[in-house]
N, C-alpha and C. Protein backbone atom coordinates (compact mmCIF):
# COMPACT_ATOMS: atom_id res chain seq x y z
N MET A 1 29.24 -17.11 1.63
CA MET A 1 27.61 -17.65 2.18
C MET A 1 27.37 -17.73 3.40
N SER A 2 26.56 -16.81 3.89
CA SER A 2 26.05 -17.65 5.15
C SER A 2 24.44 -18.05 5.76
N ASP A 3 23.51 -17.56 4.38
CA ASP A 3 22.79 -18.37 4.38
C ASP A 3 21.98 -19.05 5.79
N ARG A 4 21.74 -17.63 6.74
CA ARG A 4 21.26 -17.51 7.97
C ARG A 4 19.67 -17.36 7.82
N TRP A 5 19.23 -17.77 8.46
CA TRP A 5 18.12 -17.44 8.73
C TRP A 5 17.54 -16.36 9.38
N SER A 6 15.85 -15.99 8.99
CA SER A 6 15.20 -14.56 9.65
C SER A 6 13.80 -14.84 9.85
N PHE A 7 13.44 -13.83 10.08
CA PHE A 7 12.22 -13.47 10.45
C PHE A 7 11.66 -12.52 10.37
N TYR A 8 9.80 -12.61 10.06
CA TYR A 8 9.98 -11.06 9.99
C TYR A 8 8.65 -11.39 10.96
N LEU A 9 8.73 -10.18 11.62
CA LEU A 9 6.87 -9.83 12.65
C LEU A 9 6.62 -8.89 12.70
N ALA A 10 5.25 -8.08 11.66
CA ALA A 10 4.36 -7.23 12.12
C ALA A 10 3.42 -7.13 13.05
N ILE A 11 2.83 -6.02 13.48
CA ILE A 11 1.84 -6.32 14.10
C ILE A 11 0.46 -6.41 12.59
N GLU A 12 -0.56 -7.48 13.46
CA GLU A 12 -1.53 -7.25 13.11
C GLU A 12 -2.52 -6.39 13.09
N GLY A 13 -2.88 -5.55 11.55
CA GLY A 13 -4.05 -4.72 11.09
C GLY A 13 -3.52 -3.28 11.82
N PHE A 14 -2.28 -2.91 11.76
CA PHE A 14 -1.62 -1.90 12.30
C PHE A 14 -1.82 -0.87 11.75
N ASN A 15 -2.41 -1.09 9.91
CA ASN A 15 -2.30 0.17 8.88
C ASN A 15 -4.47 0.30 9.02
N ALA A 16 -4.76 -0.44 9.63
CA ALA A 16 -6.42 0.16 9.46
C ALA A 16 -7.09 0.04 10.89
N ALA A 17 -5.73 0.18 12.29
CA ALA A 17 -6.27 0.27 13.55
C ALA A 17 -7.14 1.56 13.43
N CYS A 18 -8.33 1.47 14.12
CA CYS A 18 -9.37 2.28 14.75
C CYS A 18 -8.70 3.32 16.13
N GLU A 19 -7.83 2.59 16.70
CA GLU A 19 -8.14 2.60 17.69
C GLU A 19 -6.96 3.85 17.93
N PRO A 20 -7.08 4.24 19.07
CA PRO A 20 -6.02 5.74 19.73
C PRO A 20 -4.97 5.26 19.29
N GLU A 21 -4.03 6.60 18.78
CA GLU A 21 -2.64 6.48 18.47
C GLU A 21 -1.75 5.45 19.58
N ALA A 22 -2.23 6.28 20.89
CA ALA A 22 -1.06 5.76 21.79
C ALA A 22 -1.24 4.00 22.13
N GLU A 23 -2.21 3.42 21.60
CA GLU A 23 -2.39 2.38 21.25
C GLU A 23 -1.31 1.76 20.40
N VAL A 24 -1.85 2.06 19.81
CA VAL A 24 -1.57 1.42 17.98
C VAL A 24 0.33 1.83 18.60
N LEU A 25 0.47 2.51 19.11
CA LEU A 25 1.89 2.60 18.79
C LEU A 25 2.34 1.43 20.41
N ALA A 26 1.68 1.59 21.13
CA ALA A 26 1.72 0.90 22.47
C ALA A 26 2.37 -0.51 21.84
N SER A 27 1.61 -1.28 20.39
CA SER A 27 2.00 -2.40 19.88
C SER A 27 2.71 -2.84 19.59
N VAL A 28 3.30 -2.01 18.96
CA VAL A 28 4.69 -1.85 18.11
C VAL A 28 5.66 -1.92 19.18
N GLU A 29 5.64 -1.01 20.01
CA GLU A 29 6.52 -0.81 21.82
C GLU A 29 6.74 -2.28 22.37
N GLN A 30 5.23 -3.06 22.32
CA GLN A 30 5.26 -4.18 22.56
C GLN A 30 6.53 -5.09 22.02
N LEU A 31 6.21 -5.35 20.91
CA LEU A 31 7.21 -5.97 19.72
C LEU A 31 8.56 -5.97 19.78
N MET A 32 8.42 -4.61 20.14
CA MET A 32 10.07 -4.05 20.36
C MET A 32 10.38 -4.81 21.60
N GLN A 33 10.38 -4.43 23.03
CA GLN A 33 10.46 -5.00 23.81
C GLN A 33 10.54 -6.70 23.98
N ALA A 34 9.17 -7.28 23.12
CA ALA A 34 9.87 -8.45 23.15
C ALA A 34 11.05 -8.78 22.31
N ILE A 35 11.26 -8.25 21.32
CA ILE A 35 12.64 -8.70 20.45
C ILE A 35 13.76 -8.67 21.44
N PHE A 36 13.81 -7.47 22.30
CA PHE A 36 15.13 -6.89 22.67
C PHE A 36 15.10 -7.60 23.83
N ARG A 37 13.90 -8.51 24.91
CA ARG A 37 14.39 -9.36 25.87
C ARG A 37 14.87 -10.59 25.23
N MET A 38 14.72 -11.04 23.91
CA MET A 38 14.79 -12.40 24.02
C MET A 38 16.04 -12.02 23.13
N GLY A 39 16.71 -11.15 22.44
CA GLY A 39 18.21 -10.91 21.90
C GLY A 39 18.61 -11.01 23.39
N ARG A 40 18.65 -10.58 24.35
CA ARG A 40 18.96 -10.20 25.33
C ARG A 40 19.62 -11.17 26.46
N TYR A 41 18.37 -11.69 26.71
CA TYR A 41 18.45 -12.97 27.41
C TYR A 41 18.07 -13.94 27.09
N GLY A 42 17.47 -14.49 25.57
CA GLY A 42 16.92 -15.27 25.47
C GLY A 42 18.66 -15.72 24.63
N CYS A 43 19.15 -14.86 24.13
CA CYS A 43 20.25 -15.41 22.80
C CYS A 43 21.02 -14.33 22.39
N PRO A 44 22.15 -14.03 24.07
CA PRO A 44 22.86 -13.72 24.30
C PRO A 44 24.11 -14.04 23.65
N GLY A 45 24.84 -13.27 23.32
CA GLY A 45 26.45 -13.76 22.51
C GLY A 45 26.34 -14.18 21.91
N HIS A 46 28.35 -14.35 21.48
CA HIS A 46 28.39 -15.04 20.05
C HIS A 46 28.13 -16.87 20.34
N PRO A 47 27.72 -17.57 19.85
CA PRO A 47 27.17 -17.07 18.34
C PRO A 47 25.69 -17.39 18.14
N ASN A 48 25.06 -17.20 19.57
CA ASN A 48 23.58 -16.83 19.15
C ASN A 48 22.78 -15.60 19.22
N GLN A 49 23.77 -14.75 18.97
CA GLN A 49 23.49 -13.29 19.00
C GLN A 49 22.27 -13.41 17.84
N LEU A 50 21.26 -11.98 18.07
CA LEU A 50 19.76 -11.77 17.10
C LEU A 50 20.52 -10.90 16.11
N PHE A 51 20.08 -10.70 15.16
CA PHE A 51 20.28 -8.95 14.91
C PHE A 51 19.13 -8.27 13.96
N VAL A 52 18.69 -7.25 14.59
CA VAL A 52 16.91 -7.27 14.27
C VAL A 52 17.26 -5.28 13.49
N LEU A 53 16.59 -5.37 12.48
CA LEU A 53 16.33 -4.40 11.30
C LEU A 53 14.41 -3.77 11.70
N GLN A 54 14.43 -2.71 12.20
CA GLN A 54 12.54 -2.38 12.13
C GLN A 54 12.27 -1.85 10.54
N CYS A 55 11.47 -2.16 9.76
CA CYS A 55 10.43 -2.12 8.86
C CYS A 55 9.71 -1.51 9.22
N GLY A 56 9.56 -0.44 9.50
CA GLY A 56 8.02 -0.20 9.92
C GLY A 56 7.37 -0.02 11.46
N ASP A 57 6.23 -0.89 11.16
CA ASP A 57 5.35 -1.53 12.32
C ASP A 57 6.08 -2.91 12.54
N GLY A 58 6.99 -3.45 11.85
CA GLY A 58 7.42 -4.70 12.17
C GLY A 58 8.92 -4.84 11.98
N PHE A 59 9.30 -6.04 12.47
CA PHE A 59 10.87 -6.37 12.99
C PHE A 59 11.38 -7.32 11.79
N LEU A 60 12.12 -7.63 11.13
CA LEU A 60 13.51 -8.40 10.74
C LEU A 60 14.44 -8.55 11.76
N VAL A 61 14.15 -9.86 12.26
CA VAL A 61 14.96 -10.69 13.33
C VAL A 61 15.81 -11.73 12.39
N THR A 62 16.87 -11.12 12.67
CA THR A 62 18.02 -13.10 11.60
C THR A 62 19.14 -13.13 12.45
N SER A 63 19.91 -14.73 11.80
CA SER A 63 20.51 -14.78 13.55
C SER A 63 21.61 -14.68 12.67
N GLU A 64 23.05 -14.91 13.33
CA GLU A 64 24.93 -14.11 13.27
C GLU A 64 25.09 -14.86 12.73
N LEU A 65 24.88 -16.73 12.42
CA LEU A 65 25.24 -17.96 12.24
C LEU A 65 24.30 -18.60 11.56
N HIS A 66 25.14 -19.22 10.19
CA HIS A 66 24.00 -20.24 9.61
C HIS A 66 23.56 -21.59 10.89
N GLU A 67 22.19 -22.05 10.52
CA GLU A 67 22.16 -22.89 11.65
C GLU A 67 21.58 -24.34 10.85
N GLU A 68 21.64 -25.56 10.85
CA GLU A 68 21.43 -26.76 10.33
C GLU A 68 19.67 -27.25 10.14
N SER A 69 18.99 -26.22 11.20
CA SER A 69 17.58 -26.46 11.78
C SER A 69 16.83 -24.89 11.73
N LEU A 70 16.00 -24.66 11.41
CA LEU A 70 14.94 -23.43 11.34
C LEU A 70 14.39 -23.48 12.71
N GLU A 71 14.17 -24.48 13.55
CA GLU A 71 13.73 -24.86 15.02
C GLU A 71 14.52 -23.59 15.73
N ARG A 72 15.22 -23.05 15.70
CA ARG A 72 15.14 -21.87 17.17
C ARG A 72 14.79 -20.78 16.59
N CYS A 73 14.59 -20.82 14.81
CA CYS A 73 13.95 -19.40 14.16
C CYS A 73 12.45 -19.62 14.79
N ALA A 74 11.90 -20.68 14.87
CA ALA A 74 10.61 -20.60 14.70
C ALA A 74 10.03 -20.48 16.00
N CYS A 75 11.05 -21.31 16.91
CA CYS A 75 10.69 -21.09 18.56
C CYS A 75 10.65 -19.41 18.80
N ILE A 76 11.49 -19.03 18.36
CA ILE A 76 11.90 -17.64 19.29
C ILE A 76 10.78 -16.64 18.57
N ALA A 77 10.07 -17.00 17.36
CA ALA A 77 9.09 -15.99 16.64
C ALA A 77 7.71 -16.27 17.58
N VAL A 78 8.03 -18.09 17.24
CA VAL A 78 6.13 -17.66 18.15
C VAL A 78 6.34 -17.47 19.65
N ALA A 79 7.19 -17.51 20.01
CA ALA A 79 7.68 -17.36 21.49
C ALA A 79 7.21 -15.84 21.96
N ILE A 80 7.71 -15.23 20.64
CA ILE A 80 7.34 -13.58 20.64
C ILE A 80 5.80 -13.54 19.96
N MET A 81 5.58 -14.21 19.36
CA MET A 81 3.98 -13.98 19.19
C MET A 81 2.84 -14.29 20.35
N GLN A 82 3.49 -15.29 21.11
CA GLN A 82 3.08 -15.64 22.51
C GLN A 82 2.58 -14.27 23.36
N HIS A 83 4.19 -14.19 23.39
CA HIS A 83 3.97 -12.79 24.01
C HIS A 83 3.22 -11.87 23.84
N LEU A 84 3.09 -11.16 22.60
CA LEU A 84 2.27 -10.75 21.79
C LEU A 84 0.52 -10.62 22.32
N ALA A 85 0.59 -12.00 22.19
CA ALA A 85 -0.88 -12.66 22.40
C ALA A 85 -1.56 -12.26 24.05
N ALA A 86 -0.60 -12.76 24.02
CA ALA A 86 -0.97 -12.38 25.94
C ALA A 86 -1.71 -10.90 26.54
N GLU A 87 -0.56 -10.49 26.03
CA GLU A 87 -0.77 -9.07 26.04
C GLU A 87 -1.93 -8.19 25.13
N GLY A 88 -2.31 -8.85 24.44
CA GLY A 88 -3.70 -8.58 23.72
C GLY A 88 -3.47 -8.21 22.08
N TYR A 89 -1.97 -8.04 21.76
CA TYR A 89 -1.95 -7.55 20.48
C TYR A 89 -1.64 -9.43 19.70
N LEU A 90 -1.77 -8.69 18.15
CA LEU A 90 -1.81 -10.18 17.36
C LEU A 90 -0.35 -9.58 16.47
N ALA A 91 0.30 -10.53 16.01
CA ALA A 91 1.19 -10.53 15.12
C ALA A 91 1.29 -11.45 13.85
N ARG A 92 1.53 -11.01 12.52
CA ARG A 92 1.86 -11.88 11.16
C ARG A 92 3.03 -12.00 11.36
N GLY A 93 3.75 -12.72 10.61
CA GLY A 93 5.26 -13.31 10.62
C GLY A 93 4.99 -14.19 9.43
N ALA A 94 6.54 -14.61 9.13
CA ALA A 94 7.33 -15.01 7.72
C ALA A 94 8.85 -15.37 7.96
N ILE A 95 8.80 -16.45 7.72
CA ILE A 95 10.43 -17.38 8.12
C ILE A 95 11.16 -17.61 6.99
N SER A 96 12.52 -17.20 6.41
CA SER A 96 12.88 -17.44 5.55
C SER A 96 14.41 -17.71 5.47
N GLU A 97 15.36 -18.52 4.82
CA GLU A 97 16.55 -18.70 4.84
C GLU A 97 17.12 -18.64 3.78
N GLY A 98 18.51 -17.90 3.64
CA GLY A 98 19.38 -17.35 2.37
C GLY A 98 19.67 -16.07 2.75
N GLU A 99 20.31 -15.83 1.50
CA GLU A 99 21.20 -14.70 1.98
C GLU A 99 20.54 -13.28 2.41
N LEU A 100 21.48 -12.44 2.77
CA LEU A 100 20.59 -11.01 2.94
C LEU A 100 21.57 -9.81 2.23
N VAL A 101 20.56 -9.22 1.00
CA VAL A 101 21.32 -9.02 0.48
C VAL A 101 21.50 -7.47 0.40
N ASP A 102 22.40 -6.44 0.03
CA ASP A 102 23.19 -4.97 0.89
C ASP A 102 21.70 -3.98 -0.66
N LEU A 103 20.96 -2.90 0.42
CA LEU A 103 20.07 -1.93 -1.05
C LEU A 103 21.10 -1.10 -1.79
N GLN A 104 22.57 -1.07 -1.73
CA GLN A 104 23.42 -0.34 -2.23
C GLN A 104 23.22 -0.48 -3.59
N ASP A 105 23.23 0.14 -4.23
CA ASP A 105 23.90 0.57 -6.23
C ASP A 105 22.66 -0.59 -6.53
N GLU A 106 21.53 -0.84 -5.41
CA GLU A 106 20.19 -1.70 -6.22
C GLU A 106 19.43 -1.10 -7.27
N GLN A 107 19.67 0.88 -7.57
CA GLN A 107 18.68 1.13 -8.31
C GLN A 107 19.42 1.57 -9.45
N PRO A 108 18.80 1.81 -10.15
CA PRO A 108 19.30 3.32 -11.57
C PRO A 108 19.34 4.20 -11.42
N PRO A 109 20.62 4.79 -11.34
CA PRO A 109 21.35 6.26 -10.68
C PRO A 109 19.78 7.35 -10.73
N ASN A 110 18.92 6.81 -12.49
CA ASN A 110 18.05 7.94 -11.94
C ASN A 110 16.41 7.78 -11.42
N CYS A 111 16.91 6.89 -10.81
CA CYS A 111 15.44 6.50 -9.70
C CYS A 111 15.66 6.91 -8.68
N ALA A 112 16.93 6.55 -8.36
CA ALA A 112 17.71 7.01 -6.71
C ALA A 112 17.45 8.41 -6.65
N PRO A 113 16.93 8.64 -5.19
CA PRO A 113 16.35 9.75 -4.71
C PRO A 113 18.14 10.19 -4.06
N ALA A 114 18.45 11.96 -4.43
CA ALA A 114 19.83 12.67 -4.33
C ALA A 114 20.71 11.72 -3.05
N TRP A 115 19.70 11.61 -2.00
CA TRP A 115 20.12 11.19 -0.48
C TRP A 115 21.14 10.19 -0.74
N TRP A 116 20.40 9.30 -1.34
CA TRP A 116 20.65 7.76 -1.77
C TRP A 116 22.06 7.72 -2.14
N ARG A 117 22.46 8.76 -3.37
CA ARG A 117 23.88 8.90 -4.30
C ARG A 117 25.06 9.36 -3.23
N ILE A 118 24.37 10.33 -1.93
CA ILE A 118 25.80 10.91 -1.42
C ILE A 118 25.89 9.68 -0.61
N THR A 119 24.93 9.37 0.37
CA THR A 119 25.04 8.47 1.79
C THR A 119 24.51 6.79 1.54
N PRO A 120 25.76 6.37 0.72
CA PRO A 120 25.04 4.74 0.55
C PRO A 120 24.86 3.68 2.04
N ILE A 121 23.82 3.24 2.04
CA ILE A 121 23.08 2.58 3.43
C ILE A 121 24.21 0.95 3.24
N ARG A 122 24.23 0.91 4.31
CA ARG A 122 24.81 -0.41 4.19
C ARG A 122 24.23 -1.50 5.63
N CYS A 123 24.50 -2.99 5.07
CA CYS A 123 23.91 -3.58 5.74
C CYS A 123 24.39 -3.77 7.10
N ILE A 124 24.33 -3.99 8.74
CA ILE A 124 24.83 -4.11 9.60
C ILE A 124 25.69 -6.40 9.66
N TRP A 125 25.16 -6.38 8.35
CA TRP A 125 25.89 -8.12 8.03
C TRP A 125 27.08 -8.21 7.21
N ASP A 126 27.61 -6.60 6.34
CA ASP A 126 27.98 -6.89 5.26
C ASP A 126 29.67 -7.64 5.46
């Protein structure tokens, strides 16, 4: 049992944005770059690595190992959100702690699309 922390950040108003497509994509790019830089320069190497999964206009970021406090998680999330605000974009987020589950075999066979049955999806932290 790992009980890692994770946080999810997404661009605020992404679906309702009336701005040009390039501006909408630039906001996601800023979020992606901020998370990349935090992982590369702020939390490099074992045991402080970050694992990231993109979900539409947002990203799920999780720790490598369980930590006693959520302080580092909150600091990383707030730093990324402050960076986005300084660039003119707003983000929303959520923090969680616990198991991350694998999606494989979670749907009844008759509900799953054909590609799901052929190519199982496995999370990187299995």
